Amino acid sequence: MKKYIYSLCLVGVIVYSCKTQQAAPATTQAETSVATANLSKEEMLKKGQELFTLKCGRCHGLPVPSEITVADWQPIMARMAPKAKLNADETNWVLAYVNENAKK
């Protein structure tokens, strides 16, 4: 009986872990450029700060942007943006925010 219960639990875990996720709709480069071009620099930095706080702070402590150089932010964002599920616009906004506040 115990083997049956353990087997049933194992199957349940496997089924749950294999559940497919719905993919986000893809945006074209033109759509990305238009959405970003319609924002002022202040709006872009504000959106970047909000996303940085919301999405990046969800999984770990937030780094202080002024403690990291612009050159170091590029690979960090390239690695972390997909994990935070940021689209191209959002990635650009966060990158603009951290670069604006990066170590000089």
Foldseek 3Di string as FASTA:
>chain_A
DVVVVVVVVVVVVVVVVPDDDDDDDADDPVVLVVVLVVDDLVRLLVLLVVCQCPQVVPPHHRDQLQAAALVVVVVVLVVCCVVSVHHPNNSVSVSSNSNVNYHD
